[in-house]
PDB file of N, CA and C in Angstrom:
ATOM      1  N   UNK A   1       0.985  -1.349  -0.164  1.00  0.00           N
ATOM      2  CA  UNK A   1       0.172   0.305   0.213  1.00  0.00           C
ATOM      3  C   UNK A   1       0.901   1.575  -0.235  1.00  0.00           C
ATOM      4  N   UNK A   2       1.795   0.920   1.298  1.00  0.00           N
ATOM      5  CA  UNK A   2       2.590   2.023   1.395  1.00  0.00           C
ATOM      6  C   UNK A   2       3.751   2.961  -0.550  1.00  0.00           C
ATOM      7  N   UNK A   3       4.334   1.757  -0.807  1.00  0.00           N
ATOM      8  CA  UNK A   3       4.640   1.712  -2.796  1.00  0.00           C
ATOM      9  C   UNK A   3       3.837   2.094  -3.143  1.00  0.00           C
ATOM     10  N   UNK A   4       2.729   1.857  -3.382  1.00  0.00           N
ATOM     11  CA  UNK A   4       1.780   2.347  -4.351  1.00  0.00           C
ATOM     12  C   UNK A   4       1.430   4.407  -4.042  1.00  0.00           C
ATOM     13  N   UNK A   5       1.175   3.998  -2.924  1.00  0.00           N
ATOM     14  CA  UNK A   5       0.929   5.862  -2.450  1.00  0.00           C
ATOM     15  C   UNK A   5       2.305   6.362  -2.162  1.00  0.00           C
ATOM     16  N   UNK A   6       3.894   6.082  -2.955  1.00  0.00           N
ATOM     17  CA  UNK A   6       4.603   6.681  -2.731  1.00  0.00           C
ATOM     18  C   UNK A   6       4.412   7.389  -4.134  1.00  0.00           C
ATOM     19  N   UNK A   7       3.945   6.479  -5.437  1.00  0.00           N
ATOM     20  CA  UNK A   7       3.645   7.396  -6.812  1.00  0.00           C
ATOM     21  C   UNK A   7       3.312   8.405  -6.933  1.00  0.00           C
ATOM     22  N   UNK A   8       2.407  10.091  -5.624  1.00  0.00           N
ATOM     23  CA  UNK A   8       1.989  10.928  -5.455  1.00  0.00           C
ATOM     24  C   UNK A   8       3.606  11.476  -5.544  1.00  0.00           C
ATOM     25  N   UNK A   9       4.371  10.732  -4.693  1.00  0.00           N
ATOM     26  CA  UNK A   9       5.167  12.523  -4.538  1.00  0.00           C
ATOM     27  C   UNK A   9       6.533  11.709  -5.167  1.00  0.00           C
ATOM     28  N   UNK A  10       6.851  13.209  -5.971  1.00  0.00           N
ATOM     29  CA  UNK A  10       7.940  13.536  -6.649  1.00  0.00           C
ATOM     30  C   UNK A  10       9.942  11.997  -6.273  1.00  0.00           C
ATOM     31  N   UNK A  11      10.170  11.740  -6.777  1.00  0.00           N
ATOM     32  CA  UNK A  11      11.227  11.911  -6.360  1.00  0.00           C
ATOM     33  C   UNK A  11      11.066  10.791  -5.002  1.00  0.00           C
ATOM     34  N   UNK A  12      10.436   9.796  -4.370  1.00  0.00           N
ATOM     35  CA  UNK A  12      10.293   9.166  -3.450  1.00  0.00           C
ATOM     36  C   UNK A  12      10.678   7.634  -3.182  1.00  0.00           C
ATOM     37  N   UNK A  13      10.847   7.576  -4.532  1.00  0.00           N
ATOM     38  CA  UNK A  13      11.111   5.445  -5.056  1.00  0.00           C
ATOM     39  C   UNK A  13      12.957   6.331  -5.504  1.00  0.00           C
ATOM     40  N   UNK A  14      13.193   7.385  -5.326  1.00  0.00           N
ATOM     41  CA  UNK A  14      15.029   7.432  -5.423  1.00  0.00           C
ATOM     42  C   UNK A  14      15.299   7.488  -3.619  1.00  0.00           C
ATOM     43  N   UNK A  15      14.746   7.345  -2.799  1.00  0.00           N
ATOM     44  CA  UNK A  15      14.776   7.366  -1.632  1.00  0.00           C
ATOM     45  C   UNK A  15      15.289   5.931  -1.325  1.00  0.00           C
ATOM     46  N   UNK A  16      16.014   5.553   0.272  1.00  0.00           N
ATOM     47  CA  UNK A  16      16.476   4.697   0.826  1.00  0.00           C
ATOM     48  C   UNK A  16      15.422   3.777   0.632  1.00  0.00           C
ATOM     49  N   UNK A  17      13.881   4.124   1.212  1.00  0.00           N
ATOM     50  CA  UNK A  17      13.029   3.390   1.783  1.00  0.00           C
ATOM     51  C   UNK A  17      12.982   3.235   0.147  1.00  0.00           C
ATOM     52  N   UNK A  18      12.164   3.747  -0.594  1.00  0.00           N
ATOM     53  CA  UNK A  18      11.590   3.617  -2.301  1.00  0.00           C
ATOM     54  C   UNK A  18      12.504   1.949  -2.629  1.00  0.00           C
ATOM     55  N   UNK A  19      13.705   2.599  -2.756  1.00  0.00           N
ATOM     56  CA  UNK A  19      14.205   1.548  -3.502  1.00  0.00           C
ATOM     57  C   UNK A  19      14.298  -0.190  -2.408  1.00  0.00           C
ATOM     58  N   UNK A  20      13.900  -0.054  -0.377  1.00  0.00           N
ATOM     59  CA  UNK A  20      13.455  -1.477  -0.901  1.00  0.00           C
ATOM     60  C   UNK A  20      12.923  -2.022  -0.844  1.00  0.00           C
ATOM     61  N   UNK A  21      12.038  -0.783  -0.794  1.00  0.00           N
ATOM     62  CA  UNK A  21       9.820  -1.065  -0.989  1.00  0.00           C
ATOM     63  C   UNK A  21       9.966  -2.195  -2.127  1.00  0.00           C
ATOM     64  N   UNK A  22      10.873  -0.868  -3.101  1.00  0.00           N
ATOM     65  CA  UNK A  22      11.031  -1.481  -5.082  1.00  0.00           C
ATOM     66  C   UNK A  22      11.538  -2.866  -4.543  1.00  0.00           C
ATOM     67  N   UNK A  23      12.549  -3.491  -4.378  1.00  0.00           N
ATOM     68  CA  UNK A  23      12.836  -5.057  -3.822  1.00  0.00           C
ATOM     69  C   UNK A  23      11.960  -5.567  -3.747  1.00  0.00           C
ATOM     70  N   UNK A  24      11.496  -5.585  -2.856  1.00  0.00           N
ATOM     71  CA  UNK A  24       9.987  -5.768  -2.469  1.00  0.00           C
ATOM     72  C   UNK A  24       8.535  -6.525  -3.324  1.00  0.00           C
ATOM     73  N   UNK A  25       8.193  -5.092  -3.453  1.00  0.00           N
ATOM     74  CA  UNK A  25       7.686  -5.328  -4.694  1.00  0.00           C
ATOM     75  C   UNK A  25       7.854  -5.408  -5.721  1.00  0.00           C
ATOM     76  N   UNK A  26       8.334  -5.065  -6.272  1.00  0.00           N
ATOM     77  CA  UNK A  26       7.925  -4.983  -7.479  1.00  0.00           C
ATOM     78  C   UNK A  26       7.837  -6.537  -8.416  1.00  0.00           C
ATOM     79  N   UNK A  27       8.944  -7.318  -7.675  1.00  0.00           N
ATOM     80  CA  UNK A  27       8.843  -9.046  -8.484  1.00  0.00           C
ATOM     81  C   UNK A  27       7.594  -9.504  -8.745  1.00  0.00           C
ATOM     82  N   UNK A  28       6.790  -9.379  -7.366  1.00  0.00           N
ATOM     83  CA  UNK A  28       5.060 -10.007  -7.035  1.00  0.00           C
ATOM     84  C   UNK A  28       4.080  -8.914  -8.010  1.00  0.00           C
ATOM     85  N   UNK A  29       4.827  -7.580  -7.955  1.00  0.00           N
ATOM     86  CA  UNK A  29       3.633  -6.660  -9.211  1.00  0.00           C
ATOM     87  C   UNK A  29       3.880  -6.795 -10.322  1.00  0.00           C
ATOM     88  N   UNK A  30       5.053  -6.509 -10.949  1.00  0.00           N
ATOM     89  CA  UNK A  30       4.855  -7.245 -12.484  1.00  0.00           C
ATOM     90  C   UNK A  30       4.379  -8.518 -12.869  1.00  0.00           C
ATOM     91  N   UNK A  31       3.854  -9.112 -11.829  1.00  0.00           N
ATOM     92  CA  UNK A  31       3.272 -10.113 -12.813  1.00  0.00           C
ATOM     93  C   UNK A  31       1.527 -10.627 -12.946  1.00  0.00           C
ATOM     94  N   UNK A  32       1.661  -8.893 -12.247  1.00  0.00           N
ATOM     95  CA  UNK A  32      -0.433  -8.048 -12.933  1.00  0.00           C
ATOM     96  C   UNK A  32       0.524  -7.447 -13.633  1.00  0.00           C
ATOM     97  N   UNK A  33       0.883  -7.055 -14.262  1.00  0.00           N
ATOM     98  CA  UNK A  33       1.254  -5.796 -15.120  1.00  0.00           C
ATOM     99  C   UNK A  33       0.297  -5.687 -16.377  1.00  0.00           C
ATOM    100  N   UNK A  34      -0.966  -6.964 -16.290  1.00  0.00           N
ATOM    101  CA  UNK A  34      -1.242  -7.143 -17.528  1.00  0.00           C
ATOM    102  C   UNK A  34      -2.847  -6.440 -17.046  1.00  0.00           C
ATOM    103  N   UNK A  35      -2.839  -5.739 -15.883  1.00  0.00           N
ATOM    104  CA  UNK A  35      -3.990  -5.067 -15.538  1.00  0.00           C
ATOM    105  C   UNK A  35      -4.097  -3.116 -15.547  1.00  0.00           C
ATOM    106  N   UNK A  36      -4.411  -2.776 -16.729  1.00  0.00           N
ATOM    107  CA  UNK A  36      -3.552  -2.022 -17.095  1.00  0.00           C
ATOM    108  C   UNK A  36      -5.433  -1.186 -18.245  1.00  0.00           C
ATOM    109  N   UNK A  37      -5.672  -0.073 -17.560  1.00  0.00           N
ATOM    110  CA  UNK A  37      -6.484   0.958 -18.394  1.00  0.00           C
ATOM    111  C   UNK A  37      -5.351   2.393 -18.741  1.00  0.00           C
ATOM    112  N   UNK A  38      -5.503   2.772 -20.031  1.00  0.00           N
ATOM    113  CA  UNK A  38      -5.192   2.827 -20.748  1.00  0.00           C
ATOM    114  C   UNK A  38      -3.345   3.730 -19.816  1.00  0.00           C
ATOM    115  N   UNK A  39      -3.108   4.620 -19.441  1.00  0.00           N
ATOM    116  CA  UNK A  39      -2.582   4.969 -18.460  1.00  0.00           C
ATOM    117  C   UNK A  39      -2.045   4.713 -17.370  1.00  0.00           C
ATOM    118  N   UNK A  40      -3.256   4.310 -16.561  1.00  0.00           N
ATOM    119  CA  UNK A  40      -3.171   3.591 -15.115  1.00  0.00           C
ATOM    120  C   UNK A  40      -3.601   2.472 -15.194  1.00  0.00           C
ATOM    121  N   UNK A  41      -2.723   2.149 -13.811  1.00  0.00           N
ATOM    122  CA  UNK A  41      -1.759   0.716 -14.137  1.00  0.00           C
ATOM    123  C   UNK A  41      -2.602   0.163 -12.558  1.00  0.00           C
ATOM    124  N   UNK A  42      -3.505  -0.384 -12.673  1.00  0.00           N
ATOM    125  CA  UNK A  42      -4.778  -1.743 -11.531  1.00  0.00           C
ATOM    126  C   UNK A  42      -3.583  -2.988 -11.135  1.00  0.00           C
ATOM    127  N   UNK A  43      -1.872  -2.682 -11.369  1.00  0.00           N
ATOM    128  CA  UNK A  43      -1.099  -3.863 -10.663  1.00  0.00           C
ATOM    129  C   UNK A  43      -1.421  -4.278  -9.314  1.00  0.00           C
ATOM    130  N   UNK A  44      -1.063  -2.956  -8.687  1.00  0.00           N
ATOM    131  CA  UNK A  44      -1.159  -2.870  -7.254  1.00  0.00           C
ATOM    132  C   UNK A  44      -2.697  -3.072  -6.335  1.00  0.00           C
ATOM    133  N   UNK A  45      -3.533  -2.916  -7.295  1.00  0.00           N
ATOM    134  CA  UNK A  45      -4.420  -3.478  -6.383  1.00  0.00           C
ATOM    135  C   UNK A  45      -5.152  -4.490  -6.754  1.00  0.00           C
ATOM    136  N   UNK A  46      -4.709  -5.395  -7.761  1.00  0.00           N
ATOM    137  CA  UNK A  46      -4.838  -6.665  -8.276  1.00  0.00           C
ATOM    138  C   UNK A  46      -3.845  -7.792  -7.094  1.00  0.00           C
ATOM    139  N   UNK A  47      -2.866  -6.895  -7.079  1.00  0.00           N
ATOM    140  CA  UNK A  47      -1.903  -7.669  -6.389  1.00  0.00           C
ATOM    141  C   UNK A  47      -2.513  -7.948  -4.962  1.00  0.00           C
ATOM    142  N   UNK A  48      -3.353  -6.482  -4.314  1.00  0.00           N
ATOM    143  CA  UNK A  48      -4.396  -6.541  -3.199  1.00  0.00           C
ATOM    144  C   UNK A  48      -4.295  -7.379  -2.780  1.00  0.00           C
ATOM    145  N   UNK A  49      -5.807  -7.593  -3.867  1.00  0.00           N
ATOM    146  CA  UNK A  49      -6.282  -8.104  -4.004  1.00  0.00           C
ATOM    147  C   UNK A  49      -5.743 -10.418  -4.146  1.00  0.00           C
ATOM    148  N   UNK A  50      -5.108 -10.147  -4.356  1.00  0.00           N
ATOM    149  CA  UNK A  50      -4.468 -12.048  -4.956  1.00  0.00           C
ATOM    150  C   UNK A  50      -3.707 -12.079  -3.515  1.00  0.00           C
ATOM    151  N   UNK A  51      -3.474 -10.699  -2.749  1.00  0.00           N
ATOM    152  CA  UNK A  51      -2.632 -11.710  -1.283  1.00  0.00           C
ATOM    153  C   UNK A  51      -3.650 -11.534  -0.492  1.00  0.00           C
ATOM    154  N   UNK A  52      -4.793 -10.751  -0.298  1.00  0.00           N
ATOM    155  CA  UNK A  52      -5.927 -11.027  -0.087  1.00  0.00           C
ATOM    156  C   UNK A  52      -6.391 -12.756   0.019  1.00  0.00           C
ATOM    157  N   UNK A  53      -6.919 -12.048  -1.076  1.00  0.00           N
ATOM    158  CA  UNK A  53      -7.517 -14.124  -1.132  1.00  0.00           C
ATOM    159  C   UNK A  53      -6.451 -15.482  -0.965  1.00  0.00           C
ATOM    160  N   UNK A  54      -5.043 -15.108  -0.879  1.00  0.00           N
ATOM    161  CA  UNK A  54      -3.953 -15.915  -0.038  1.00  0.00           C
ATOM    162  C   UNK A  54      -4.272 -16.256   1.409  1.00  0.00           C
ATOM    163  N   UNK A  55      -3.855 -14.967   1.823  1.00  0.00           N
ATOM    164  CA  UNK A  55      -4.628 -15.057   3.273  1.00  0.00           C
ATOM    165  C   UNK A  55      -5.495 -16.246   3.133  1.00  0.00           C
ATOM    166  N   UNK A  56      -7.276 -15.702   3.470  1.00  0.00           N
ATOM    167  CA  UNK A  56      -7.971 -16.206   3.140  1.00  0.00           C
ATOM    168  C   UNK A  56      -7.554 -17.096   3.435  1.00  0.00           C
ATOM    169  N   UNK A  57      -7.183 -17.827   2.103  1.00  0.00           N
ATOM    170  CA  UNK A  57      -7.175 -18.589   2.133  1.00  0.00           C
ATOM    171  C   UNK A  57      -6.398 -20.268   2.997  1.00  0.00           C
ATOM    172  N   UNK A  58      -5.305 -19.291   3.327  1.00  0.00           N
ATOM    173  CA  UNK A  58      -4.190 -20.225   4.064  1.00  0.00           C
ATOM    174  C   UNK A  58      -5.456 -20.125   6.176  1.00  0.00           C
ATOM    175  N   UNK A  59      -5.570 -18.489   5.602  1.00  0.00           N
ATOM    176  CA  UNK A  59      -6.917 -18.939   7.678  1.00  0.00           C
ATOM    177  C   UNK A  59      -7.456 -20.257   6.843  1.00  0.00           C
ATOM    178  N   UNK A  60      -8.102 -20.362   5.790  1.00  0.00           N
ATOM    179  CA  UNK A  60      -9.909 -21.378   5.674  1.00  0.00           C
ATOM    180  C   UNK A  60      -8.896 -22.693   5.703  1.00  0.00           C
ATOM    181  N   UNK A  61      -7.759 -22.955   5.651  1.00  0.00           N
ATOM    182  CA  UNK A  61      -6.556 -24.411   5.758  1.00  0.00           C
ATOM    183  C   UNK A  61      -6.459 -24.653   7.384  1.00  0.00           C
ATOM    184  N   UNK A  62      -6.470 -23.645   7.825  1.00  0.00           N
ATOM    185  CA  UNK A  62      -5.618 -23.590   9.679  1.00  0.00           C
ATOM    186  C   UNK A  62      -6.337 -23.732  10.270  1.00  0.00           C
ATOM    187  N   UNK A  63      -8.115 -23.318  10.076  1.00  0.00           N
ATOM    188  CA  UNK A  63      -9.198 -23.557  10.715  1.00  0.00           C
ATOM    189  C   UNK A  63      -9.778 -25.034  10.298  1.00  0.00           C
ATOM    190  N   UNK A  64      -9.348 -25.405   9.271  1.00  0.00           N
ATOM    191  CA  UNK A  64      -9.066 -27.509   9.130  1.00  0.00           C
ATOM    192  C   UNK A  64      -8.614 -27.201  10.138  1.00  0.00           C
ATOM    193  N   UNK A  65      -7.133 -27.534   9.193  1.00  0.00           N
ATOM    194  CA  UNK A  65      -6.156 -28.523  10.547  1.00  0.00           C
ATOM    195  C   UNK A  65      -6.353 -28.329  11.557  1.00  0.00           C
ATOM    196  N   UNK A  66      -6.436 -27.185  12.425  1.00  0.00           N
ATOM    197  CA  UNK A  66      -5.737 -27.287  13.596  1.00  0.00           C
ATOM    198  C   UNK A  66      -8.024 -27.051  14.558  1.00  0.00           C
ATOM    199  N   UNK A  67      -8.593 -26.950  13.578  1.00  0.00           N
ATOM    200  CA  UNK A  67      -9.759 -27.991  14.176  1.00  0.00           C
ATOM    201  C   UNK A  67     -10.516 -25.933  14.677  1.00  0.00           C
ATOM    202  N   UNK A  68     -10.188 -25.236  14.128  1.00  0.00           N
ATOM    203  CA  UNK A  68     -10.988 -23.451  15.549  1.00  0.00           C
ATOM    204  C   UNK A  68     -11.866 -23.549  14.645  1.00  0.00           C
TER     205      UNK A  68
END
């Protein structure tokens, strides 16, 4: 979320925090570069949705295995 919001601030990707987040976020986010409308990239939104679904799946499996 922070990485996506950094696009609103000039030169924020050039900071130490921006470079650190880029190394973590860009490999995963690049999988969703197909999600664009004109010049607007929806990759961050799709990536967050995928992470949410994965989290729900892991929680569901945990409930099945642990019996909660």
